[in-house]
C-alpha atoms as a PDB file:
ATOM      1  CA  MET A   1    -201.362-112.004-195.659  1.00  0.00           C
ATOM      2  CA  PRO A   2    -199.839-109.267-197.565  1.00  0.00           C
ATOM      3  CA  LEU A   3    -201.348-106.128-199.023  1.00  0.00           C
ATOM      4  CA  ILE A   4    -198.980-105.005-201.686  1.00  0.00           C
ATOM      5  CA  ALA A   5    -199.627-101.769-203.546  1.00  0.00           C
ATOM      6  CA  PHE A   6    -197.790-101.252-206.955  1.00  0.00           C
ATOM      7  CA  THR A   7    -197.482 -97.377-207.838  1.00  0.00           C
ATOM      8  CA  GLY A   8    -196.334 -95.248-210.484  1.00  0.00           C
ATOM      9  CA  HIS A   9    -196.185 -95.786-214.149  1.00  0.00           C
ATOM     10  CA  ARG A  10    -198.849 -97.842-215.334  1.00  0.00           C
ATOM     11  CA  PHE A  11    -197.001-100.160-217.422  1.00  0.00           C
ATOM     12  CA  LEU A  12    -193.992-100.452-215.370  1.00  0.00           C
ATOM     13  CA  ALA A  13    -196.507-100.759-212.051  1.00  0.00           C
ATOM     14  CA  ASP A  14    -198.412-104.017-214.066  1.00  0.00           C
ATOM     15  CA  GLU A  15    -194.931-105.551-214.703  1.00  0.00           C
ATOM     16  CA  THR A  16    -193.929-105.098-211.285  1.00  0.00           C
ATOM     17  CA  LEU A  17    -196.803-106.360-209.976  1.00  0.00           C
ATOM     18  CA  ARG A  18    -196.559-109.751-212.199  1.00  0.00           C
ATOM     19  CA  ASP A  19    -192.700-110.030-211.374  1.00  0.00           C
ATOM     20  CA  THR A  20    -193.305-109.841-207.665  1.00  0.00           C
ATOM     21  CA  LEU A  21    -196.119-112.082-207.438  1.00  0.00           C
ATOM     22  CA  THR A  22    -193.971-114.482-209.490  1.00  0.00           C
ATOM     23  CA  THR A  23    -191.302-114.351-206.980  1.00  0.00           C
ATOM     24  CA  ARG A  24    -193.737-115.062-204.238  1.00  0.00           C
ATOM     25  CA  GLY A  25    -195.255-118.095-206.013  1.00  0.00           C
ATOM     26  CA  LEU A  26    -198.212-116.876-207.492  1.00  0.00           C
ATOM     27  CA  ASN A  27    -198.913-116.589-211.235  1.00  0.00           C
ATOM     28  CA  ALA A  28    -200.717-113.337-211.987  1.00  0.00           C
ATOM     29  CA  ARG A  29    -202.874-114.864-214.808  1.00  0.00           C
ATOM     30  CA  ASP A  30    -204.004-117.329-212.347  1.00  0.00           C
ATOM     31  CA  LEU A  31    -205.456-114.782-210.122  1.00  0.00           C
ATOM     32  CA  PRO A  32    -208.946-112.832-210.252  1.00  0.00           C
ATOM     33  CA  ARG A  33    -208.793-109.330-211.407  1.00  0.00           C
ATOM     34  CA  VAL A  34    -211.114-106.819-210.350  1.00  0.00           C
ATOM     35  CA  ALA A  35    -211.545-103.389-211.924  1.00  0.00           C
ATOM     36  CA  GLY A  36    -213.869-100.629-212.433  1.00  0.00           C
ATOM     37  CA  GLU A  37    -217.440-101.074-211.048  1.00  0.00           C
ATOM     38  CA  ASP A  38    -216.656-104.590-209.648  1.00  0.00           C
ATOM     39  CA  VAL A  39    -214.421-102.972-206.810  1.00  0.00           C
ATOM     40  CA  THR A  40    -216.931-103.301-204.163  1.00  0.00           C
ATOM     41  CA  ALA A  41    -217.110-105.112-201.013  1.00  0.00           C
ATOM     42  CA  ASP A  42    -219.537-107.803-202.433  1.00  0.00           C
ATOM     43  CA  ALA A  43    -217.549-108.491-205.502  1.00  0.00           C
ATOM     44  CA  LEU A  44    -214.222-108.721-203.599  1.00  0.00           C
ATOM     45  CA  GLY A  45    -215.565-110.964-200.789  1.00  0.00           C
ATOM     46  CA  PRO A  46    -215.118-114.079-202.307  1.00  0.00           C
ATOM     47  CA  HIS A  47    -211.617-113.581-203.385  1.00  0.00           C
ATOM     48  CA  LEU A  48    -210.472-112.604-199.741  1.00  0.00           C
ATOM     49  CA  SER A  49    -210.173-116.201-198.283  1.00  0.00           C
ATOM     50  CA  PRO A  50    -207.909-119.134-198.769  1.00  0.00           C
ATOM     51  CA  GLY A  51    -208.437-121.764-201.139  1.00  0.00           C
ATOM     52  CA  LEU A  52    -208.449-125.403-200.468  1.00  0.00           C
ATOM     53  CA  PHE A  53    -204.649-125.550-201.410  1.00  0.00           C
ATOM     54  CA  GLY A  54    -203.727-122.393-199.179  1.00  0.00           C
ATOM     55  CA  ASP A  55    -202.864-118.917-200.005  1.00  0.00           C
ATOM     56  CA  GLY A  56    -204.716-117.445-202.939  1.00  0.00           C
ATOM     57  CA  GLY A  57    -204.720-114.222-204.232  1.00  0.00           C
ATOM     58  CA  VAL A  58    -206.367-111.416-206.034  1.00  0.00           C
ATOM     59  CA  ILE A  59    -205.219-108.316-208.170  1.00  0.00           C
ATOM     60  CA  VAL A  60    -207.471-105.086-207.594  1.00  0.00           C
ATOM     61  CA  ASP A  61    -207.116-102.492-210.203  1.00  0.00           C
ATOM     62  CA  LEU A  62    -207.872 -99.195-208.665  1.00  0.00           C
ATOM     63  CA  GLU A  63    -207.793 -96.982-212.033  1.00  0.00           C
ATOM     64  CA  GLY A  64    -210.852 -94.682-211.860  1.00  0.00           C
ATOM     65  CA  VAL A  65    -211.798 -96.059-208.749  1.00  0.00           C
ATOM     66  CA  LYS A  66    -212.166 -94.252-205.367  1.00  0.00           C
ATOM     67  CA  PRO A  67    -212.218 -96.908-202.862  1.00  0.00           C
ATOM     68  CA  ASP A  68    -213.769 -95.502-199.125  1.00  0.00           C
ATOM     69  CA  LYS A  69    -211.756 -96.608-195.865  1.00  0.00           C
ATOM     70  CA  ALA A  70    -214.035 -99.625-195.237  1.00  0.00           C
ATOM     71  CA  LEU A  71    -212.866-101.185-198.526  1.00  0.00           C
ATOM     72  CA  LEU A  72    -209.224-100.518-197.795  1.00  0.00           C
ATOM     73  CA  GLU A  73    -209.693-102.244-194.447  1.00  0.00           C
ATOM     74  CA  LEU A  74    -211.248-104.896-195.906  1.00  0.00           C
ATOM     75  CA  LEU A  75    -208.463-105.314-198.531  1.00  0.00           C
ATOM     76  CA  ALA A  76    -205.891-104.859-195.642  1.00  0.00           C
ATOM     77  CA  GLY A  77    -207.349-107.404-193.561  1.00  0.00           C
ATOM     78  CA  ALA A  78    -207.600-110.306-196.219  1.00  0.00           C
ATOM     79  CA  ALA A  79    -206.428-113.426-195.399  1.00  0.00           C
ATOM     80  CA  VAL A  80    -204.822-113.874-199.131  1.00  0.00           C
ATOM     81  CA  THR A  81    -202.318-111.839-200.915  1.00  0.00           C
ATOM     82  CA  VAL A  82    -204.052-108.681-202.204  1.00  0.00           C
ATOM     83  CA  ALA A  83    -202.031-106.734-205.003  1.00  0.00           C
ATOM     84  CA  VAL A  84    -203.380-103.385-205.660  1.00  0.00           C
ATOM     85  CA  LEU A  85    -202.236-101.424-209.002  1.00  0.00           C
ATOM     86  CA  ASP A  86    -202.762 -97.863-207.755  1.00  0.00           C
ATOM     87  CA  GLU A  87    -200.568 -95.385-210.082  1.00  0.00           C
ATOM     88  CA  ALA A  88    -201.125 -92.174-207.947  1.00  0.00           C
ATOM     89  CA  PRO A  89    -202.591 -92.799-204.770  1.00  0.00           C
ATOM     90  CA  PRO A  90    -203.293 -89.784-202.643  1.00  0.00           C
ATOM     91  CA  ALA A  91    -201.619 -89.338-199.174  1.00  0.00           C
ATOM     92  CA  THR A  92    -204.580 -91.030-197.238  1.00  0.00           C
ATOM     93  CA  ARG A  93    -204.481 -94.074-199.286  1.00  0.00           C
ATOM     94  CA  LEU A  94    -200.620 -94.520-199.419  1.00  0.00           C
ATOM     95  CA  LYS A  95    -200.377 -94.053-195.558  1.00  0.00           C
ATOM     96  CA  VAL A  96    -202.906 -97.041-195.420  1.00  0.00           C
ATOM     97  CA  TYR A  97    -200.760 -99.063-197.591  1.00  0.00           C
ATOM     98  CA  GLU A  98    -197.438 -98.122-195.918  1.00  0.00           C
ATOM     99  CA  GLY A  99    -199.271 -99.170-192.554  1.00  0.00           C
ATOM    100  CA  ARG A 100    -200.864-102.230-193.183  1.00  0.00           C
ATOM    101  CA  GLY A 101    -198.882-103.639-196.057  1.00  0.00           C
ATOM    102  CA  GLU A 102    -195.987-102.413-198.399  1.00  0.00           C
ATOM    103  CA  VAL A 103    -195.589-100.030-201.342  1.00  0.00           C
ATOM    104  CA  VAL A 104    -193.809-101.022-204.503  1.00  0.00           C
ATOM    105  CA  ALA A 105    -193.023 -97.684-206.555  1.00  0.00           C
ATOM    106  CA  SER A 106    -192.233 -97.823-210.343  1.00  0.00           C
ATOM    107  CA  PRO A 107    -191.382 -94.335-211.249  1.00  0.00           C
ATOM    108  CA  ALA A 108    -191.304 -93.401-215.006  1.00  0.00           C
ATOM    109  CA  PRO A 109    -188.463 -91.843-216.634  1.00  0.00           C
ATOM    110  CA  SER A 110    -189.453 -88.472-218.249  1.00  0.00           C
ATOM    111  CA  LYS A 111    -186.657 -86.766-220.106  1.00  0.00           C
ATOM    112  CA  THR A 112    -185.913 -88.221-223.452  1.00  0.00           C
ATOM    113  CA  GLY A 113    -182.061 -89.018-222.259  1.00  0.00           C
ATOM    114  CA  ASP A 114    -183.839 -91.242-219.355  1.00  0.00           C
ATOM    115  CA  VAL A 115    -186.305 -92.945-221.602  1.00  0.00           C
ATOM    116  CA  ALA A 116    -183.423 -94.004-223.499  1.00  0.00           C
ATOM    117  CA  GLY A 117    -181.458 -95.020-220.812  1.00  0.00           C
ATOM    118  CA  TRP A 118    -184.513 -97.392-219.756  1.00  0.00           C
ATOM    119  CA  VAL A 119    -184.786 -98.705-223.386  1.00  0.00           C
ATOM    120  CA  THR A 120    -180.944 -99.892-223.310  1.00  0.00           C
ATOM    121  CA  GLN A 121    -181.299-101.574-219.936  1.00  0.00           C
ATOM    122  CA  ARG A 122    -184.620-103.085-221.192  1.00  0.00           C
ATOM    123  CA  ALA A 123    -182.825-104.257-224.482  1.00  0.00           C
ATOM    124  CA  LYS A 124    -179.737-105.572-222.691  1.00  0.00           C
ATOM    125  CA  LYS A 125    -182.038-107.662-220.307  1.00  0.00           C
ATOM    126  CA  ALA A 126    -183.761-109.326-223.339  1.00  0.00           C
ATOM    127  CA  LYS A 127    -180.123-109.563-224.956  1.00  0.00           C
ATOM    128  CA  LEU A 128    -180.994-107.701-227.843  1.00  0.00           C
ATOM    129  CA  PRO A 129    -178.192-105.908-229.567  1.00  0.00           C
ATOM    130  CA  LEU A 130    -179.527-102.369-229.746  1.00  0.00           C
ATOM    131  CA  ASP A 131    -177.047 -99.299-229.883  1.00  0.00           C
ATOM    132  CA  ARG A 132    -177.200 -96.385-228.036  1.00  0.00           C
ATOM    133  CA  ASP A 133    -178.676 -94.206-231.108  1.00  0.00           C
ATOM    134  CA  ALA A 134    -181.423 -97.012-231.595  1.00  0.00           C
ATOM    135  CA  SER A 135    -182.558 -96.340-228.017  1.00  0.00           C
ATOM    136  CA  LEU A 136    -182.443 -92.768-228.251  1.00  0.00           C
ATOM    137  CA  TYR A 137    -184.779 -92.812-231.530  1.00  0.00           C
ATOM    138  CA  LEU A 138    -186.978 -95.081-229.778  1.00  0.00           C
ATOM    139  CA  ALA A 139    -187.226 -92.657-227.003  1.00  0.00           C
ATOM    140  CA  GLU A 140    -187.499 -89.634-229.450  1.00  0.00           C
ATOM    141  CA  VAL A 141    -190.669 -91.148-231.202  1.00  0.00           C
ATOM    142  CA  PHE A 142    -192.228 -92.814-228.399  1.00  0.00           C
ATOM    143  CA  GLY A 143    -191.619 -90.547-225.504  1.00  0.00           C
ATOM    144  CA  ALA A 144    -193.485 -91.690-222.420  1.00  0.00           C
ATOM    145  CA  ASP A 145    -195.305 -94.454-224.219  1.00  0.00           C
ATOM    146  CA  LEU A 146    -193.339 -97.396-222.339  1.00  0.00           C
ATOM    147  CA  ALA A 147    -195.619 -99.947-223.448  1.00  0.00           C
ATOM    148  CA  GLY A 148    -195.121 -98.983-227.208  1.00  0.00           C
ATOM    149  CA  ILE A 149    -191.584 -99.162-226.548  1.00  0.00           C
ATOM    150  CA  ALA A 150    -191.690-102.751-225.032  1.00  0.00           C
ATOM    151  CA  GLY A 151    -193.894-103.609-228.124  1.00  0.00           C
ATOM    152  CA  GLU A 152    -191.107-102.582-230.517  1.00  0.00           C
ATOM    153  CA  LEU A 153    -188.652-104.612-228.823  1.00  0.00           C
ATOM    154  CA  ASN A 154    -190.508-107.452-228.573  1.00  0.00           C
ATOM    155  CA  LYS A 155    -190.883-107.296-232.497  1.00  0.00           C
ATOM    156  CA  LEU A 156    -186.895-106.917-232.738  1.00  0.00           C
ATOM    157  CA  ALA A 157    -186.482-110.091-230.594  1.00  0.00           C
ATOM    158  CA  LEU A 158    -187.895-111.826-233.588  1.00  0.00           C
ATOM    159  CA  LEU A 159    -185.442-110.501-236.168  1.00  0.00           C
ATOM    160  CA  ASP A 160    -181.599-110.585-236.447  1.00  0.00           C
ATOM    161  CA  GLY A 161    -179.302-107.802-235.149  1.00  0.00           C
ATOM    162  CA  PRO A 162    -177.121-105.786-234.642  1.00  0.00           C
ATOM    163  CA  PHE A 163    -180.036-102.957-234.395  1.00  0.00           C
ATOM    164  CA  THR A 164    -178.735 -99.652-235.383  1.00  0.00           C
ATOM    165  CA  ARG A 165    -180.723 -96.482-235.423  1.00  0.00           C
ATOM    166  CA  ASP A 166    -181.430 -96.998-239.394  1.00  0.00           C
ATOM    167  CA  ALA A 167    -182.436-100.382-238.897  1.00  0.00           C
ATOM    168  CA  VAL A 168    -184.729 -99.851-235.838  1.00  0.00           C
ATOM    169  CA  GLN A 169    -186.345 -96.962-237.718  1.00  0.00           C
ATOM    170  CA  ARG A 170    -187.180 -99.031-240.862  1.00  0.00           C
ATOM    171  CA  VAL A 171    -188.985-101.641-238.605  1.00  0.00           C
ATOM    172  CA  VAL A 172    -190.771 -99.030-236.579  1.00  0.00           C
ATOM    173  CA  GLY A 173    -191.567 -96.603-239.655  1.00  0.00           C
ATOM    174  CA  ARG A 174    -191.929 -93.759-237.539  1.00  0.00           C
ATOM    175  CA  GLU A 175    -190.017 -90.276-238.106  1.00  0.00           C
ATOM    176  CA  PRO A 176    -188.835 -88.488-235.045  1.00  0.00           C
ATOM    177  CA  PRO A 177    -190.778 -85.508-233.771  1.00  0.00           C
ATOM    178  CA  GLY A 178    -189.109 -82.107-234.716  1.00  0.00           C
ATOM    179  CA  ASP A 179    -187.444 -80.049-232.280  1.00  0.00           C
ATOM    180  CA  SER A 180    -187.749 -76.074-232.544  1.00  0.00           C
ATOM    181  CA  PHE A 181    -184.413 -75.900-230.499  1.00  0.00           C
ATOM    182  CA  ALA A 182    -182.642 -78.506-232.410  1.00  0.00           C
ATOM    183  CA  MET A 183    -183.943 -76.614-235.561  1.00  0.00           C
ATOM    184  CA  LEU A 184    -182.703 -73.457-234.363  1.00  0.00           C
ATOM    185  CA  GLY A 185    -179.281 -75.021-233.259  1.00  0.00           C
ATOM    186  CA  ALA A 186    -178.906 -76.567-236.645  1.00  0.00           C
ATOM    187  CA  ALA A 187    -179.770 -73.079-238.447  1.00  0.00           C
ATOM    188  CA  THR A 188    -177.194 -71.263-236.470  1.00  0.00           C
ATOM    189  CA  THR A 189    -174.366 -73.838-237.172  1.00  0.00           C
ATOM    190  CA  GLY A 190    -175.002 -73.438-240.929  1.00  0.00           C
ATOM    191  CA  ARG A 191    -176.965 -76.689-241.326  1.00  0.00           C
ATOM    192  CA  PRO A 192    -179.974 -75.612-243.371  1.00  0.00           C
ATOM    193  CA  GLY A 193    -180.681 -79.152-244.607  1.00  0.00           C
ATOM    194  CA  GLU A 194    -180.942 -80.668-240.921  1.00  0.00           C
ATOM    195  CA  ALA A 195    -182.765 -77.380-239.959  1.00  0.00           C
ATOM    196  CA  VAL A 196    -185.517 -77.611-242.771  1.00  0.00           C
ATOM    197  CA  THR A 197    -185.994 -81.208-241.805  1.00  0.00           C
ATOM    198  CA  GLN A 198    -186.705 -80.353-238.051  1.00  0.00           C
ATOM    199  CA  LEU A 199    -189.132 -77.717-239.399  1.00  0.00           C
ATOM    200  CA  ARG A 200    -191.010 -80.129-241.819  1.00  0.00           C
ATOM    201  CA  ARG A 201    -191.373 -82.827-238.978  1.00  0.00           C
ATOM    202  CA  LEU A 202    -192.512 -80.189-236.751  1.00  0.00           C
ATOM    203  CA  LEU A 203    -195.219 -79.148-239.353  1.00  0.00           C
ATOM    204  CA  ALA A 204    -196.185 -82.609-240.484  1.00  0.00           C
ATOM    205  CA  SER A 205    -196.947 -83.538-236.565  1.00  0.00           C
ATOM    206  CA  GLY A 206    -199.524 -80.952-236.929  1.00  0.00           C
ATOM    207  CA  GLU A 207    -197.580 -77.970-235.394  1.00  0.00           C
ATOM    208  CA  ASP A 208    -199.590 -74.698-236.009  1.00  0.00           C
ATOM    209  CA  PRO A 209    -196.971 -72.272-238.441  1.00  0.00           C
ATOM    210  CA  PHE A 210    -197.778 -69.512-236.459  1.00  0.00           C
ATOM    211  CA  LYS A 211    -197.365 -70.989-233.117  1.00  0.00           C
ATOM    212  CA  LEU A 212    -194.007 -72.008-234.447  1.00  0.00           C
ATOM    213  CA  MET A 213    -193.301 -68.634-235.283  1.00  0.00           C
ATOM    214  CA  GLY A 214    -194.100 -67.455-231.942  1.00  0.00           C
ATOM    215  CA  ALA A 215    -191.561 -70.100-230.530  1.00  0.00           C
ATOM    216  CA  VAL A 216    -188.953 -68.758-232.772  1.00  0.00           C
ATOM    217  CA  VAL A 217    -189.612 -65.374-231.596  1.00  0.00           C
ATOM    218  CA  TRP A 218    -189.554 -66.440-227.915  1.00  0.00           C
ATOM    219  CA  GLN A 219    -186.582 -68.552-228.398  1.00  0.00           C
ATOM    220  CA  TYR A 220    -184.586 -65.954-230.215  1.00  0.00           C
ATOM    221  CA  SER A 221    -185.382 -63.234-227.661  1.00  0.00           C
ATOM    222  CA  LEU A 222    -183.694 -65.716-224.988  1.00  0.00           C
ATOM    223  CA  VAL A 223    -180.724 -66.072-227.374  1.00  0.00           C
ATOM    224  CA  ALA A 224    -180.437 -62.421-227.785  1.00  0.00           C
ATOM    225  CA  ARG A 225    -180.654 -61.836-224.173  1.00  0.00           C
ATOM    226  CA  CYS A 226    -177.644 -64.687-223.687  1.00  0.00           C
ATOM    227  CA  VAL A 227    -175.685 -62.725-226.177  1.00  0.00           C
ATOM    228  CA  ALA A 228    -176.251 -59.851-224.234  1.00  0.00           C
ATOM    229  CA  LEU A 229    -175.305 -61.562-220.805  1.00  0.00           C
ATOM    230  CA  GLN A 230    -171.980 -62.741-222.822  1.00  0.00           C
ATOM    231  CA  GLN A 231    -170.807 -59.235-223.534  1.00  0.00           C
ATOM    232  CA  GLU A 232    -171.159 -58.203-220.067  1.00  0.00           C
ATOM    233  CA  GLY A 233    -168.273 -60.208-219.404  1.00  0.00           C
ATOM    234  CA  GLY A 234    -167.332 -63.499-217.095  1.00  0.00           C
ATOM    235  CA  ARG A 235    -168.594 -66.711-217.624  1.00  0.00           C
ATOM    236  CA  VAL A 236    -172.444 -67.462-218.174  1.00  0.00           C
ATOM    237  CA  THR A 237    -173.556 -70.789-216.932  1.00  0.00           C
ATOM    238  CA  GLU A 238    -176.884 -72.299-217.678  1.00  0.00           C
ATOM    239  CA  GLN A 239    -177.710 -71.631-214.037  1.00  0.00           C
ATOM    240  CA  VAL A 240    -176.869 -67.875-214.397  1.00  0.00           C
ATOM    241  CA  ALA A 241    -178.670 -67.362-217.536  1.00  0.00           C
ATOM    242  CA  ALA A 242    -181.803 -69.020-216.184  1.00  0.00           C
ATOM    243  CA  GLN A 243    -181.869 -66.621-213.254  1.00  0.00           C
ATOM    244  CA  ARG A 244    -181.348 -63.921-215.181  1.00  0.00           C
ATOM    245  CA  LEU A 245    -183.626 -64.585-217.992  1.00  0.00           C
ATOM    246  CA  GLY A 246    -186.448 -65.707-215.338  1.00  0.00           C
ATOM    247  CA  VAL A 247    -186.840 -68.966-217.071  1.00  0.00           C
ATOM    248  CA  LYS A 248    -186.085 -72.939-216.383  1.00  0.00           C
ATOM    249  CA  PRO A 249    -182.661 -74.413-216.884  1.00  0.00           C
ATOM    250  CA  TYR A 250    -183.514 -76.387-219.798  1.00  0.00           C
ATOM    251  CA  PRO A 251    -184.389 -73.293-222.197  1.00  0.00           C
ATOM    252  CA  ALA A 252    -181.883 -71.245-220.993  1.00  0.00           C
ATOM    253  CA  LYS A 253    -179.103 -74.175-221.826  1.00  0.00           C
ATOM    254  CA  LYS A 254    -180.470 -74.354-225.346  1.00  0.00           C
ATOM    255  CA  ALA A 255    -180.821 -70.624-225.750  1.00  0.00           C
ATOM    256  CA  LEU A 256    -177.147 -70.121-224.345  1.00  0.00           C
ATOM    257  CA  ASP A 257    -176.052 -72.965-226.928  1.00  0.00           C
ATOM    258  CA  VAL A 258    -177.262 -71.047-229.562  1.00  0.00           C
ATOM    259  CA  ALA A 259    -175.852 -67.707-228.397  1.00  0.00           C
ATOM    260  CA  ARG A 260    -172.098 -68.992-227.879  1.00  0.00           C
ATOM    261  CA  ARG A 261    -172.184 -69.135-231.685  1.00  0.00           C
ATOM    262  CA  LEU A 262    -173.358 -65.592-232.524  1.00  0.00           C
ATOM    263  CA  ASN A 263    -172.313 -62.147-231.926  1.00  0.00           C
ATOM    264  CA  GLU A 264    -174.329 -58.592-231.552  1.00  0.00           C
ATOM    265  CA  ALA A 265    -174.236 -57.934-235.342  1.00  0.00           C
ATOM    266  CA  LYS A 266    -175.181 -61.457-236.237  1.00  0.00           C
ATOM    267  CA  ILE A 267    -178.270 -61.637-233.617  1.00  0.00           C
ATOM    268  CA  ARG A 268    -179.290 -58.268-235.071  1.00  0.00           C
ATOM    269  CA  THR A 269    -179.445 -59.873-238.525  1.00  0.00           C
ATOM    270  CA  HIS A 270    -181.282 -62.636-237.413  1.00  0.00           C
ATOM    271  CA  LEU A 271    -183.729 -60.546-235.396  1.00  0.00           C
ATOM    272  CA  GLY A 272    -184.407 -58.717-238.675  1.00  0.00           C
ATOM    273  CA  ARG A 273    -185.111 -61.741-240.660  1.00  0.00           C
ATOM    274  CA  ILE A 274    -187.491 -63.189-237.968  1.00  0.00           C
ATOM    275  CA  LEU A 275    -189.206 -59.889-237.915  1.00  0.00           C
ATOM    276  CA  ASP A 276    -189.640 -59.922-241.786  1.00  0.00           C
ATOM    277  CA  ALA A 277    -190.696 -63.187-241.872  1.00  0.00           C
ATOM    278  CA  ASP A 278    -193.297 -62.524-239.116  1.00  0.00           C
ATOM    279  CA  LEU A 279    -194.773 -59.533-241.182  1.00  0.00           C
ATOM    280  CA  ALA A 280    -195.014 -61.862-244.374  1.00  0.00           C
ATOM    281  CA  MET A 281    -196.833 -64.419-242.627  1.00  0.00           C
ATOM    282  CA  LYS A 282    -199.557 -61.917-241.275  1.00  0.00           C
ATOM    283  CA  ARG A 283    -199.815 -60.274-244.707  1.00  0.00           C
ATOM    284  CA  GLY A 284    -200.873 -63.596-246.017  1.00  0.00           C
ATOM    285  CA  LEU A 285    -197.776 -65.228-247.402  1.00  0.00           C
ATOM    286  CA  ASP A 286    -197.737 -69.197-247.041  1.00  0.00           C
ATOM    287  CA  ALA A 287    -196.658 -69.898-243.375  1.00  0.00           C
ATOM    288  CA  GLY A 288    -195.042 -72.762-244.138  1.00  0.00           C
ATOM    289  CA  VAL A 289    -193.013 -71.074-247.207  1.00  0.00           C
ATOM    290  CA  ALA A 290    -192.148 -68.045-245.130  1.00  0.00           C
ATOM    291  CA  LEU A 291    -191.016 -70.351-242.192  1.00  0.00           C
ATOM    292  CA  GLU A 292    -188.969 -72.634-244.337  1.00  0.00           C
ATOM    293  CA  ARG A 293    -187.273 -69.335-246.213  1.00  0.00           C
ATOM    294  CA  LEU A 294    -186.595 -67.973-242.580  1.00  0.00           C
ATOM    295  CA  ILE A 295    -184.875 -71.123-241.338  1.00  0.00           C
ATOM    296  CA  VAL A 296    -182.606 -71.013-244.590  1.00  0.00           C
ATOM    297  CA  GLN A 297    -181.492 -67.252-244.063  1.00  0.00           C
ATOM    298  CA  LEU A 298    -180.903 -68.063-240.126  1.00  0.00           C
ATOM    299  CA  SER A 299    -178.347 -70.917-241.530  1.00  0.00           C
ATOM    300  CA  VAL A 300    -176.274 -68.069-243.555  1.00  0.00           C
END
């Protein structure tokens, strides 16, 4: 009988396990689930033989467990379906799964945009009228917590749509986390209200004001260097900027977006204001007040 290993994001792997077993005529709720200290040959033995009515099965959760070769061989040789939940198996275990059974991977979306796409598809499958901004909001506030998002979608299924961002935010009751690049982007395009909102969210989420100032200094150093690159002439792409600045493409792209709105005179003024705010904080001025004043000044 088959050995099926479900790998990847735990929530997705567990869901995929249940769906896969259902298509094979097995109900995951009816099968014994063995986990933790019970994952031993003695404990699993009684579950590895078929019952009176033919094929049975067992679910083996390997979270926090390091099965030895003998146990894996026991599972692979079982006379019933063995569904193994193993989020990130090492190469040796993966080789056993591939050689003696099959592997069903459930990679998780990581970037906010990818998570939002996953939310959209899940809502569509559930026939929930969720708009794109609402999907993005859920991705922003929950990040990689896909189980949390699924729980909120289950709540929404009990309500009448359509579900806009504002409607979903009223149900969920969470503010999106602040984004320091979004804060600077809003400031440099003359949107002080949005910039200050981002700052306040960052502070409310527990961000240390001095670390935030450090982030502003670092990000504006990238912005200043991007301004200099643009003045050299030629088209500056995020790939070129990342290579010249020695950073990854994402911060290079964000810094370049800000730099395109500035020139040398403006960046010099901004750098002077950043220096003044940094000194004020180090001399004992209220850090939150100093940062908020700086963000407003950067918006002028």
